[in-house]
Amino acid sequence: MKGKALLIIVILLSSAVFAGTIDSFQVYSAAMKKNIPCIVIKPSSYKSLVRKKKGLPVVFLLHGYSGNQGSWLKDAPQLLKKADELELILVCPDGGFSSWYFDSPIDSSIRYETFISTELVAFIDKKYSTLADKKHRAITGLSMGGHGGLYLGIRHQDIFGSAGSVSGGVDLRPFPNNWDIKKRIGDTVCCNENWKNYSVISQIDQLKNDSLHLVFDCGTSDFFLDVNRNLHQVLLQKKIAHDYAERPGAHNKEYWGNSIDYQLLYFKKQFEN
């Protein structure tokens, strides 16, 4: 029994050594005049890589509705090992309870598009040893954050070279009474055009083939499945290259925790090409 217990301790210690490390801090947003909590996951080799003056690619991970900066680690605790295996910096910002990652047209206090695509990117590149160009920078997220990943990626192709979505709400129009969206862009009576203009699917005209590496997926039992299928079809019609997948699963952490592994591999491939 003593030998078995010792073996378990050795395995646990080895797992702890070969896993990423977590930084937790706040980033001031001048656009919103407040501090935004963030978590950054670095590979365990980070200090060694810095000594060798080697920068790392960065993936921004956006949480869903009602989540926070800790949601991704809760839903996908393997991210600590993934940062290590793939030698990536993973950035998990707090996106507010229901921001949808817009600069809201009706509430000037909600400016998460500006915060993430401009303020946070600049902060991370200054604080960490990154490869500070769009080729080595990706953004994705789950649900509300899936909308944010594609919305920000498409609108800021000078900042992000790759963008993704996991179970994303990529078209807001079918959901006029859900998830506080109307608090961010107005209701469909006063502000109907906003529901079109602030949806990912309406941003596609900004894309040229291969101008942005796109990856998104959705579970076959997810209430966002139809809008993701529609986005896939629009991209096909416009001959925009992308990676789309459907897998068995619902709108839950089991699906998200599985999906993100595939997306990180996709991003790693783009970083290396």
C-alpha atoms as a PDB file:
ATOM      1  CA  MET A   1       0.000   0.000   0.000  1.00  0.00           C
ATOM      2  CA  LYS A   2       2.860   2.391   0.804  1.00  0.00           C
ATOM      3  CA  GLY A   3       4.364   1.851  -2.636  1.00  0.00           C
ATOM      4  CA  LYS A   4       1.010   2.436  -4.317  1.00  0.00           C
ATOM      5  CA  ALA A   5       0.415   5.627  -2.324  1.00  0.00           C
ATOM      6  CA  LEU A   6       3.887   6.880  -3.226  1.00  0.00           C
ATOM      7  CA  LEU A   7       3.205   6.215  -6.923  1.00  0.00           C
ATOM      8  CA  ILE A   8      -0.046   8.232  -6.759  1.00  0.00           C
ATOM      9  CA  ILE A   9       1.787  11.148  -5.109  1.00  0.00           C
ATOM     10  CA  VAL A  10       4.482  11.058  -7.815  1.00  0.00           C
ATOM     11  CA  ILE A  11       1.831  11.082 -10.561  1.00  0.00           C
ATOM     12  CA  LEU A  12       0.007  14.011  -8.953  1.00  0.00           C
ATOM     13  CA  LEU A  13       3.213  15.977  -8.552  1.00  0.00           C
ATOM     14  CA  SER A  14       4.179  15.274 -12.162  1.00  0.00           C
ATOM     15  CA  SER A  15       0.773  16.491 -13.355  1.00  0.00           C
ATOM     16  CA  ALA A  16       1.186  19.664 -11.327  1.00  0.00           C
ATOM     17  CA  VAL A  17       4.643  20.318 -12.748  1.00  0.00           C
ATOM     18  CA  PHE A  18       3.617  19.801 -16.366  1.00  0.00           C
ATOM     19  CA  ALA A  19       0.646  22.141 -16.399  1.00  0.00           C
ATOM     20  CA  GLY A  20       0.117  25.791 -17.064  1.00  0.00           C
ATOM     21  CA  THR A  21       0.139  28.487 -14.418  1.00  0.00           C
ATOM     22  CA  ILE A  22      -2.580  31.048 -13.732  1.00  0.00           C
ATOM     23  CA  ASP A  23      -2.302  34.806 -13.347  1.00  0.00           C
ATOM     24  CA  SER A  24      -5.301  36.724 -12.051  1.00  0.00           C
ATOM     25  CA  PHE A  25      -5.484  40.512 -12.242  1.00  0.00           C
ATOM     26  CA  GLN A  26      -7.599  43.493 -13.310  1.00  0.00           C
ATOM     27  CA  VAL A  27      -7.215  45.550 -16.468  1.00  0.00           C
ATOM     28  CA  TYR A  28      -8.422  49.126 -16.493  1.00  0.00           C
ATOM     29  CA  SER A  29     -10.767  50.003 -19.354  1.00  0.00           C
ATOM     30  CA  ALA A  30     -10.627  53.681 -20.272  1.00  0.00           C
ATOM     31  CA  ALA A  31     -13.611  53.112 -22.554  1.00  0.00           C
ATOM     32  CA  MET A  32     -15.793  51.914 -19.642  1.00  0.00           C
ATOM     33  CA  LYS A  33     -13.930  53.691 -16.835  1.00  0.00           C
ATOM     34  CA  LYS A  34     -13.651  50.585 -14.664  1.00  0.00           C
ATOM     35  CA  ASN A  35     -11.382  47.644 -13.910  1.00  0.00           C
ATOM     36  CA  ILE A  36     -12.111  44.362 -15.670  1.00  0.00           C
ATOM     37  CA  PRO A  37     -11.042  41.065 -14.005  1.00  0.00           C
ATOM     38  CA  CYS A  38      -9.010  38.711 -16.193  1.00  0.00           C
ATOM     39  CA  ILE A  39      -7.323  35.327 -15.923  1.00  0.00           C
ATOM     40  CA  VAL A  40      -4.289  34.381 -18.005  1.00  0.00           C
ATOM     41  CA  ILE A  41      -3.021  30.808 -18.369  1.00  0.00           C
ATOM     42  CA  LYS A  42       0.649  30.437 -19.287  1.00  0.00           C
ATOM     43  CA  PRO A  43       2.548  27.249 -20.135  1.00  0.00           C
ATOM     44  CA  SER A  44       4.924  25.992 -17.457  1.00  0.00           C
ATOM     45  CA  SER A  45       7.775  26.616 -19.905  1.00  0.00           C
ATOM     46  CA  TYR A  46       6.922  30.336 -20.088  1.00  0.00           C
ATOM     47  CA  LYS A  47       9.904  31.647 -18.081  1.00  0.00           C
ATOM     48  CA  SER A  48      12.305  29.464 -20.026  1.00  0.00           C
ATOM     49  CA  LEU A  49      10.849  30.679 -23.323  1.00  0.00           C
ATOM     50  CA  VAL A  50      11.140  34.301 -22.191  1.00  0.00           C
ATOM     51  CA  ARG A  51      14.823  33.770 -21.359  1.00  0.00           C
ATOM     52  CA  LYS A  52      15.254  32.479 -24.908  1.00  0.00           C
ATOM     53  CA  LYS A  53      13.418  35.590 -26.131  1.00  0.00           C
ATOM     54  CA  LYS A  54      10.712  33.465 -27.667  1.00  0.00           C
ATOM     55  CA  GLY A  55       7.220  34.976 -27.922  1.00  0.00           C
ATOM     56  CA  LEU A  56       4.051  32.912 -27.722  1.00  0.00           C
ATOM     57  CA  PRO A  57       0.755  32.931 -29.637  1.00  0.00           C
ATOM     58  CA  VAL A  58      -2.335  34.112 -27.737  1.00  0.00           C
ATOM     59  CA  VAL A  59      -5.909  32.797 -27.703  1.00  0.00           C
ATOM     60  CA  PHE A  60      -8.640  34.929 -26.141  1.00  0.00           C
ATOM     61  CA  LEU A  61     -11.462  32.853 -24.609  1.00  0.00           C
ATOM     62  CA  LEU A  62     -14.813  34.597 -24.066  1.00  0.00           C
ATOM     63  CA  HIS A  63     -17.362  33.229 -21.582  1.00  0.00           C
ATOM     64  CA  GLY A  64     -21.107  32.897 -22.037  1.00  0.00           C
ATOM     65  CA  TYR A  65     -24.144  34.709 -20.668  1.00  0.00           C
ATOM     66  CA  SER A  66     -24.055  35.095 -16.854  1.00  0.00           C
ATOM     67  CA  GLY A  67     -20.466  33.813 -16.736  1.00  0.00           C
ATOM     68  CA  ASN A  68     -17.218  35.494 -15.718  1.00  0.00           C
ATOM     69  CA  GLN A  69     -13.463  35.261 -16.197  1.00  0.00           C
ATOM     70  CA  GLY A  70     -13.329  31.945 -14.318  1.00  0.00           C
ATOM     71  CA  SER A  71     -16.013  30.173 -16.339  1.00  0.00           C
ATOM     72  CA  TRP A  72     -13.751  28.616 -18.952  1.00  0.00           C
ATOM     73  CA  LEU A  73     -11.482  27.016 -16.352  1.00  0.00           C
ATOM     74  CA  LYS A  74     -14.530  25.628 -14.566  1.00  0.00           C
ATOM     75  CA  ASP A  75     -15.999  24.168 -17.760  1.00  0.00           C
ATOM     76  CA  ALA A  76     -12.666  23.031 -19.226  1.00  0.00           C
ATOM     77  CA  PRO A  77     -10.082  22.501 -16.449  1.00  0.00           C
ATOM     78  CA  GLN A  78      -7.813  20.769 -18.971  1.00  0.00           C
ATOM     79  CA  LEU A  79      -6.937  24.210 -20.321  1.00  0.00           C
ATOM     80  CA  LEU A  80      -4.003  24.246 -17.897  1.00  0.00           C
ATOM     81  CA  LYS A  81      -2.526  21.235 -19.676  1.00  0.00           C
ATOM     82  CA  LYS A  82      -3.515  22.480 -23.114  1.00  0.00           C
ATOM     83  CA  ALA A  83      -1.588  25.710 -22.580  1.00  0.00           C
ATOM     84  CA  ASP A  84       1.410  23.532 -21.732  1.00  0.00           C
ATOM     85  CA  GLU A  85       1.057  21.028 -24.566  1.00  0.00           C
ATOM     86  CA  LEU A  86       0.465  23.629 -27.268  1.00  0.00           C
ATOM     87  CA  GLU A  87       2.669  26.399 -25.803  1.00  0.00           C
ATOM     88  CA  LEU A  88      -0.073  29.006 -25.898  1.00  0.00           C
ATOM     89  CA  ILE A  89      -1.086  31.932 -23.702  1.00  0.00           C
ATOM     90  CA  LEU A  90      -4.818  31.748 -22.961  1.00  0.00           C
ATOM     91  CA  VAL A  91      -6.608  34.945 -21.917  1.00  0.00           C
ATOM     92  CA  CYS A  92     -10.000  34.775 -20.180  1.00  0.00           C
ATOM     93  CA  PRO A  93     -11.527  38.221 -19.587  1.00  0.00           C
ATOM     94  CA  ASP A  94     -14.705  39.025 -17.698  1.00  0.00           C
ATOM     95  CA  GLY A  95     -17.213  40.061 -20.362  1.00  0.00           C
ATOM     96  CA  GLY A  96     -19.977  41.152 -18.022  1.00  0.00           C
ATOM     97  CA  PHE A  97     -23.184  39.304 -17.188  1.00  0.00           C
ATOM     98  CA  SER A  98     -24.807  40.012 -20.561  1.00  0.00           C
ATOM     99  CA  SER A  99     -22.608  42.273 -22.678  1.00  0.00           C
ATOM    100  CA  TRP A 100     -22.726  40.176 -25.861  1.00  0.00           C
ATOM    101  CA  TYR A 101     -19.301  41.779 -26.451  1.00  0.00           C
ATOM    102  CA  PHE A 102     -20.762  44.825 -28.213  1.00  0.00           C
ATOM    103  CA  ASP A 103     -20.105  48.471 -27.954  1.00  0.00           C
ATOM    104  CA  SER A 104     -23.763  48.993 -27.111  1.00  0.00           C
ATOM    105  CA  PRO A 105     -25.598  51.525 -29.319  1.00  0.00           C
ATOM    106  CA  ILE A 106     -27.971  52.406 -26.462  1.00  0.00           C
ATOM    107  CA  ASP A 107     -25.790  52.149 -23.336  1.00  0.00           C
ATOM    108  CA  SER A 108     -22.449  53.944 -23.403  1.00  0.00           C
ATOM    109  CA  SER A 109     -21.279  52.071 -20.309  1.00  0.00           C
ATOM    110  CA  ILE A 110     -21.132  48.800 -22.293  1.00  0.00           C
ATOM    111  CA  ARG A 111     -18.077  48.914 -24.556  1.00  0.00           C
ATOM    112  CA  TYR A 112     -16.672  45.404 -24.490  1.00  0.00           C
ATOM    113  CA  GLU A 113     -15.796  45.423 -28.191  1.00  0.00           C
ATOM    114  CA  THR A 114     -13.392  48.305 -27.603  1.00  0.00           C
ATOM    115  CA  PHE A 115     -12.094  46.782 -24.379  1.00  0.00           C
ATOM    116  CA  ILE A 116     -11.229  43.365 -25.775  1.00  0.00           C
ATOM    117  CA  SER A 117     -10.120  44.177 -29.318  1.00  0.00           C
ATOM    118  CA  THR A 118      -8.096  47.270 -28.390  1.00  0.00           C
ATOM    119  CA  GLU A 119      -7.422  47.775 -24.679  1.00  0.00           C
ATOM    120  CA  LEU A 120      -6.987  44.157 -23.571  1.00  0.00           C
ATOM    121  CA  VAL A 121      -4.946  43.085 -26.597  1.00  0.00           C
ATOM    122  CA  ALA A 122      -2.547  45.986 -26.028  1.00  0.00           C
ATOM    123  CA  PHE A 123      -2.290  45.184 -22.302  1.00  0.00           C
ATOM    124  CA  ILE A 124      -1.494  41.493 -22.905  1.00  0.00           C
ATOM    125  CA  ASP A 125       1.153  42.285 -25.514  1.00  0.00           C
ATOM    126  CA  LYS A 126       2.803  44.712 -23.096  1.00  0.00           C
ATOM    127  CA  LYS A 127       2.656  42.454 -20.023  1.00  0.00           C
ATOM    128  CA  TYR A 128       3.610  39.131 -21.644  1.00  0.00           C
ATOM    129  CA  SER A 129       6.098  37.817 -24.160  1.00  0.00           C
ATOM    130  CA  THR A 130       3.714  37.380 -27.082  1.00  0.00           C
ATOM    131  CA  LEU A 131       4.010  37.119 -30.824  1.00  0.00           C
ATOM    132  CA  ALA A 132       2.262  40.446 -31.232  1.00  0.00           C
ATOM    133  CA  ASP A 133       0.759  40.134 -34.689  1.00  0.00           C
ATOM    134  CA  LYS A 134      -2.585  38.977 -36.002  1.00  0.00           C
ATOM    135  CA  LYS A 135      -1.194  35.731 -37.420  1.00  0.00           C
ATOM    136  CA  HIS A 136      -0.453  34.566 -33.875  1.00  0.00           C
ATOM    137  CA  ARG A 137      -3.624  35.891 -32.240  1.00  0.00           C
ATOM    138  CA  ALA A 138      -7.003  34.092 -32.092  1.00  0.00           C
ATOM    139  CA  ILE A 139     -10.337  34.699 -30.377  1.00  0.00           C
ATOM    140  CA  THR A 140     -13.198  32.327 -29.610  1.00  0.00           C
ATOM    141  CA  GLY A 141     -15.829  31.722 -26.972  1.00  0.00           C
ATOM    142  CA  LEU A 142     -18.909  29.785 -25.946  1.00  0.00           C
ATOM    143  CA  SER A 143     -22.568  30.761 -26.392  1.00  0.00           C
ATOM    144  CA  MET A 144     -22.667  34.559 -25.914  1.00  0.00           C
ATOM    145  CA  GLY A 145     -18.881  34.373 -26.115  1.00  0.00           C
ATOM    146  CA  GLY A 146     -19.173  32.407 -29.354  1.00  0.00           C
ATOM    147  CA  HIS A 147     -21.025  35.346 -30.794  1.00  0.00           C
ATOM    148  CA  GLY A 148     -18.282  37.587 -29.414  1.00  0.00           C
ATOM    149  CA  GLY A 149     -15.470  35.486 -30.855  1.00  0.00           C
ATOM    150  CA  LEU A 150     -16.748  35.678 -34.424  1.00  0.00           C
ATOM    151  CA  TYR A 151     -18.181  39.192 -34.139  1.00  0.00           C
ATOM    152  CA  LEU A 152     -14.927  40.686 -32.880  1.00  0.00           C
ATOM    153  CA  GLY A 153     -12.765  38.530 -35.124  1.00  0.00           C
ATOM    154  CA  ILE A 154     -14.605  39.569 -38.282  1.00  0.00           C
ATOM    155  CA  ARG A 155     -14.779  43.238 -37.312  1.00  0.00           C
ATOM    156  CA  HIS A 156     -11.106  43.402 -36.328  1.00  0.00           C
ATOM    157  CA  GLN A 157      -9.249  41.396 -38.938  1.00  0.00           C
ATOM    158  CA  ASP A 158      -6.248  43.657 -38.442  1.00  0.00           C
ATOM    159  CA  ILE A 159      -6.009  42.358 -34.850  1.00  0.00           C
ATOM    160  CA  PHE A 160      -7.068  38.680 -35.071  1.00  0.00           C
ATOM    161  CA  GLY A 161      -5.923  36.186 -37.670  1.00  0.00           C
ATOM    162  CA  SER A 162      -8.235  33.415 -36.458  1.00  0.00           C
ATOM    163  CA  ALA A 163     -11.681  33.436 -34.891  1.00  0.00           C
ATOM    164  CA  GLY A 164     -14.055  30.812 -33.591  1.00  0.00           C
ATOM    165  CA  SER A 165     -17.282  30.006 -31.817  1.00  0.00           C
ATOM    166  CA  VAL A 166     -18.500  27.131 -29.661  1.00  0.00           C
ATOM    167  CA  SER A 167     -22.314  26.813 -29.500  1.00  0.00           C
ATOM    168  CA  GLY A 168     -22.533  30.469 -30.444  1.00  0.00           C
ATOM    169  CA  GLY A 169     -25.584  32.702 -30.735  1.00  0.00           C
ATOM    170  CA  VAL A 170     -24.456  33.843 -34.173  1.00  0.00           C
ATOM    171  CA  ASP A 171     -27.820  35.346 -35.193  1.00  0.00           C
ATOM    172  CA  LEU A 172     -29.710  37.317 -32.542  1.00  0.00           C
ATOM    173  CA  ARG A 173     -32.951  37.839 -34.465  1.00  0.00           C
ATOM    174  CA  PRO A 174     -34.674  34.545 -33.543  1.00  0.00           C
ATOM    175  CA  PHE A 175     -34.278  35.348 -29.821  1.00  0.00           C
ATOM    176  CA  PRO A 176     -35.903  38.768 -29.192  1.00  0.00           C
ATOM    177  CA  ASN A 177     -36.785  38.082 -25.555  1.00  0.00           C
ATOM    178  CA  ASN A 178     -33.737  36.177 -24.374  1.00  0.00           C
ATOM    179  CA  TRP A 179     -30.529  36.803 -22.441  1.00  0.00           C
ATOM    180  CA  ASP A 180     -30.891  40.584 -21.986  1.00  0.00           C
ATOM    181  CA  ILE A 181     -30.038  41.258 -25.633  1.00  0.00           C
ATOM    182  CA  LYS A 182     -32.658  44.007 -25.862  1.00  0.00           C
ATOM    183  CA  LYS A 183     -30.950  45.790 -22.951  1.00  0.00           C
ATOM    184  CA  ARG A 184     -27.841  46.084 -25.124  1.00  0.00           C
ATOM    185  CA  ILE A 185     -29.276  46.946 -28.567  1.00  0.00           C
ATOM    186  CA  GLY A 186     -32.894  47.978 -27.907  1.00  0.00           C
ATOM    187  CA  ASP A 187     -36.083  46.028 -28.554  1.00  0.00           C
ATOM    188  CA  THR A 188     -37.294  44.947 -31.980  1.00  0.00           C
ATOM    189  CA  VAL A 189     -39.882  47.748 -32.121  1.00  0.00           C
ATOM    190  CA  CYS A 190     -37.623  50.771 -31.693  1.00  0.00           C
ATOM    191  CA  CYS A 191     -34.380  49.282 -32.948  1.00  0.00           C
ATOM    192  CA  ASN A 192     -35.128  46.457 -35.368  1.00  0.00           C
ATOM    193  CA  GLU A 193     -32.102  47.210 -37.574  1.00  0.00           C
ATOM    194  CA  ASN A 194     -29.786  46.693 -34.601  1.00  0.00           C
ATOM    195  CA  TRP A 195     -30.853  43.048 -34.388  1.00  0.00           C
ATOM    196  CA  LYS A 196     -29.552  42.524 -37.885  1.00  0.00           C
ATOM    197  CA  ASN A 197     -26.503  44.776 -37.745  1.00  0.00           C
ATOM    198  CA  TYR A 198     -25.189  43.402 -34.440  1.00  0.00           C
ATOM    199  CA  SER A 199     -25.496  39.739 -35.452  1.00  0.00           C
ATOM    200  CA  VAL A 200     -22.465  37.767 -36.616  1.00  0.00           C
ATOM    201  CA  ILE A 201     -24.275  36.541 -39.706  1.00  0.00           C
ATOM    202  CA  SER A 202     -24.626  40.126 -40.944  1.00  0.00           C
ATOM    203  CA  GLN A 203     -20.872  40.746 -40.653  1.00  0.00           C
ATOM    204  CA  ILE A 204     -19.977  38.175 -43.304  1.00  0.00           C
ATOM    205  CA  ASP A 205     -19.795  40.746 -46.096  1.00  0.00           C
ATOM    206  CA  GLN A 206     -16.639  42.086 -44.426  1.00  0.00           C
ATOM    207  CA  LEU A 207     -14.840  38.804 -45.164  1.00  0.00           C
ATOM    208  CA  LYS A 208     -12.783  37.849 -48.160  1.00  0.00           C
ATOM    209  CA  ASN A 209     -11.740  34.266 -48.672  1.00  0.00           C
ATOM    210  CA  ASP A 210      -8.826  33.437 -46.340  1.00  0.00           C
ATOM    211  CA  SER A 211      -8.806  36.933 -44.808  1.00  0.00           C
ATOM    212  CA  LEU A 212      -9.642  35.302 -41.457  1.00  0.00           C
ATOM    213  CA  HIS A 213      -9.317  31.678 -40.384  1.00  0.00           C
ATOM    214  CA  LEU A 214     -12.766  30.618 -39.130  1.00  0.00           C
ATOM    215  CA  VAL A 215     -13.765  27.645 -36.993  1.00  0.00           C
ATOM    216  CA  PHE A 216     -17.124  27.065 -35.319  1.00  0.00           C
ATOM    217  CA  ASP A 217     -19.260  24.177 -34.160  1.00  0.00           C
ATOM    218  CA  CYS A 218     -22.494  23.360 -32.389  1.00  0.00           C
ATOM    219  CA  GLY A 219     -24.124  20.387 -30.680  1.00  0.00           C
ATOM    220  CA  THR A 220     -26.919  18.592 -32.499  1.00  0.00           C
ATOM    221  CA  SER A 221     -29.230  19.068 -29.489  1.00  0.00           C
ATOM    222  CA  ASP A 222     -28.380  22.758 -29.025  1.00  0.00           C
ATOM    223  CA  PHE A 223     -31.015  25.502 -29.410  1.00  0.00           C
ATOM    224  CA  PHE A 224     -28.418  27.475 -31.419  1.00  0.00           C
ATOM    225  CA  LEU A 225     -28.002  24.681 -33.993  1.00  0.00           C
ATOM    226  CA  ASP A 226     -30.204  26.270 -36.695  1.00  0.00           C
ATOM    227  CA  VAL A 227     -28.457  29.646 -36.605  1.00  0.00           C
ATOM    228  CA  ASN A 228     -25.067  27.948 -36.837  1.00  0.00           C
ATOM    229  CA  ARG A 229     -26.237  25.869 -39.797  1.00  0.00           C
ATOM    230  CA  ASN A 230     -27.494  29.039 -41.464  1.00  0.00           C
ATOM    231  CA  LEU A 231     -24.142  30.756 -40.933  1.00  0.00           C
ATOM    232  CA  HIS A 232     -22.383  27.734 -42.439  1.00  0.00           C
ATOM    233  CA  GLN A 233     -24.630  27.912 -45.518  1.00  0.00           C
ATOM    234  CA  VAL A 234     -24.065  31.647 -46.004  1.00  0.00           C
ATOM    235  CA  LEU A 235     -20.305  31.147 -45.835  1.00  0.00           C
ATOM    236  CA  LEU A 236     -20.540  28.321 -48.384  1.00  0.00           C
ATOM    237  CA  GLN A 237     -22.621  30.476 -50.730  1.00  0.00           C
ATOM    238  CA  LYS A 238     -20.086  33.291 -50.497  1.00  0.00           C
ATOM    239  CA  LYS A 239     -17.212  30.828 -50.925  1.00  0.00           C
ATOM    240  CA  ILE A 240     -15.588  31.833 -47.652  1.00  0.00           C
ATOM    241  CA  ALA A 241     -13.276  29.087 -46.365  1.00  0.00           C
ATOM    242  CA  HIS A 242     -14.125  27.889 -42.857  1.00  0.00           C
ATOM    243  CA  ASP A 243     -14.141  24.841 -40.601  1.00  0.00           C
ATOM    244  CA  TYR A 244     -17.614  23.866 -39.367  1.00  0.00           C
ATOM    245  CA  ALA A 245     -18.626  20.842 -37.310  1.00  0.00           C
ATOM    246  CA  GLU A 246     -21.684  19.403 -35.607  1.00  0.00           C
ATOM    247  CA  ARG A 247     -21.244  16.870 -32.824  1.00  0.00           C
ATOM    248  CA  PRO A 248     -23.666  15.082 -30.512  1.00  0.00           C
ATOM    249  CA  GLY A 249     -24.306  17.281 -27.507  1.00  0.00           C
ATOM    250  CA  ALA A 250     -26.377  20.038 -25.936  1.00  0.00           C
ATOM    251  CA  HIS A 251     -25.769  23.585 -24.710  1.00  0.00           C
ATOM    252  CA  ASN A 252     -23.726  22.576 -21.676  1.00  0.00           C
ATOM    253  CA  LYS A 253     -20.242  22.395 -20.220  1.00  0.00           C
ATOM    254  CA  GLU A 254     -19.735  18.784 -21.310  1.00  0.00           C
ATOM    255  CA  TYR A 255     -19.986  19.899 -24.936  1.00  0.00           C
ATOM    256  CA  TRP A 256     -17.940  23.095 -24.475  1.00  0.00           C
ATOM    257  CA  GLY A 257     -15.190  21.312 -22.548  1.00  0.00           C
ATOM    258  CA  ASN A 258     -14.828  18.802 -25.382  1.00  0.00           C
ATOM    259  CA  SER A 259     -15.097  21.274 -28.253  1.00  0.00           C
ATOM    260  CA  ILE A 260     -12.433  23.694 -27.085  1.00  0.00           C
ATOM    261  CA  ASP A 261      -9.736  21.023 -27.432  1.00  0.00           C
ATOM    262  CA  TYR A 262     -10.445  20.796 -31.173  1.00  0.00           C
ATOM    263  CA  GLN A 263     -10.467  24.552 -31.607  1.00  0.00           C
ATOM    264  CA  LEU A 264      -7.145  25.014 -29.827  1.00  0.00           C
ATOM    265  CA  LEU A 265      -5.588  22.446 -32.160  1.00  0.00           C
ATOM    266  CA  TYR A 266      -7.060  24.329 -35.113  1.00  0.00           C
ATOM    267  CA  PHE A 267      -5.590  27.606 -33.889  1.00  0.00           C
ATOM    268  CA  LYS A 268      -2.216  25.982 -33.232  1.00  0.00           C
ATOM    269  CA  LYS A 269      -2.153  24.782 -36.835  1.00  0.00           C
ATOM    270  CA  GLN A 270      -2.912  28.289 -38.108  1.00  0.00           C
ATOM    271  CA  PHE A 271      -0.199  29.784 -35.905  1.00  0.00           C
ATOM    272  CA  GLU A 272       2.363  27.396 -37.341  1.00  0.00           C
ATOM    273  CA  ASN A 273       1.405  27.692 -41.020  1.00  0.00           C
END
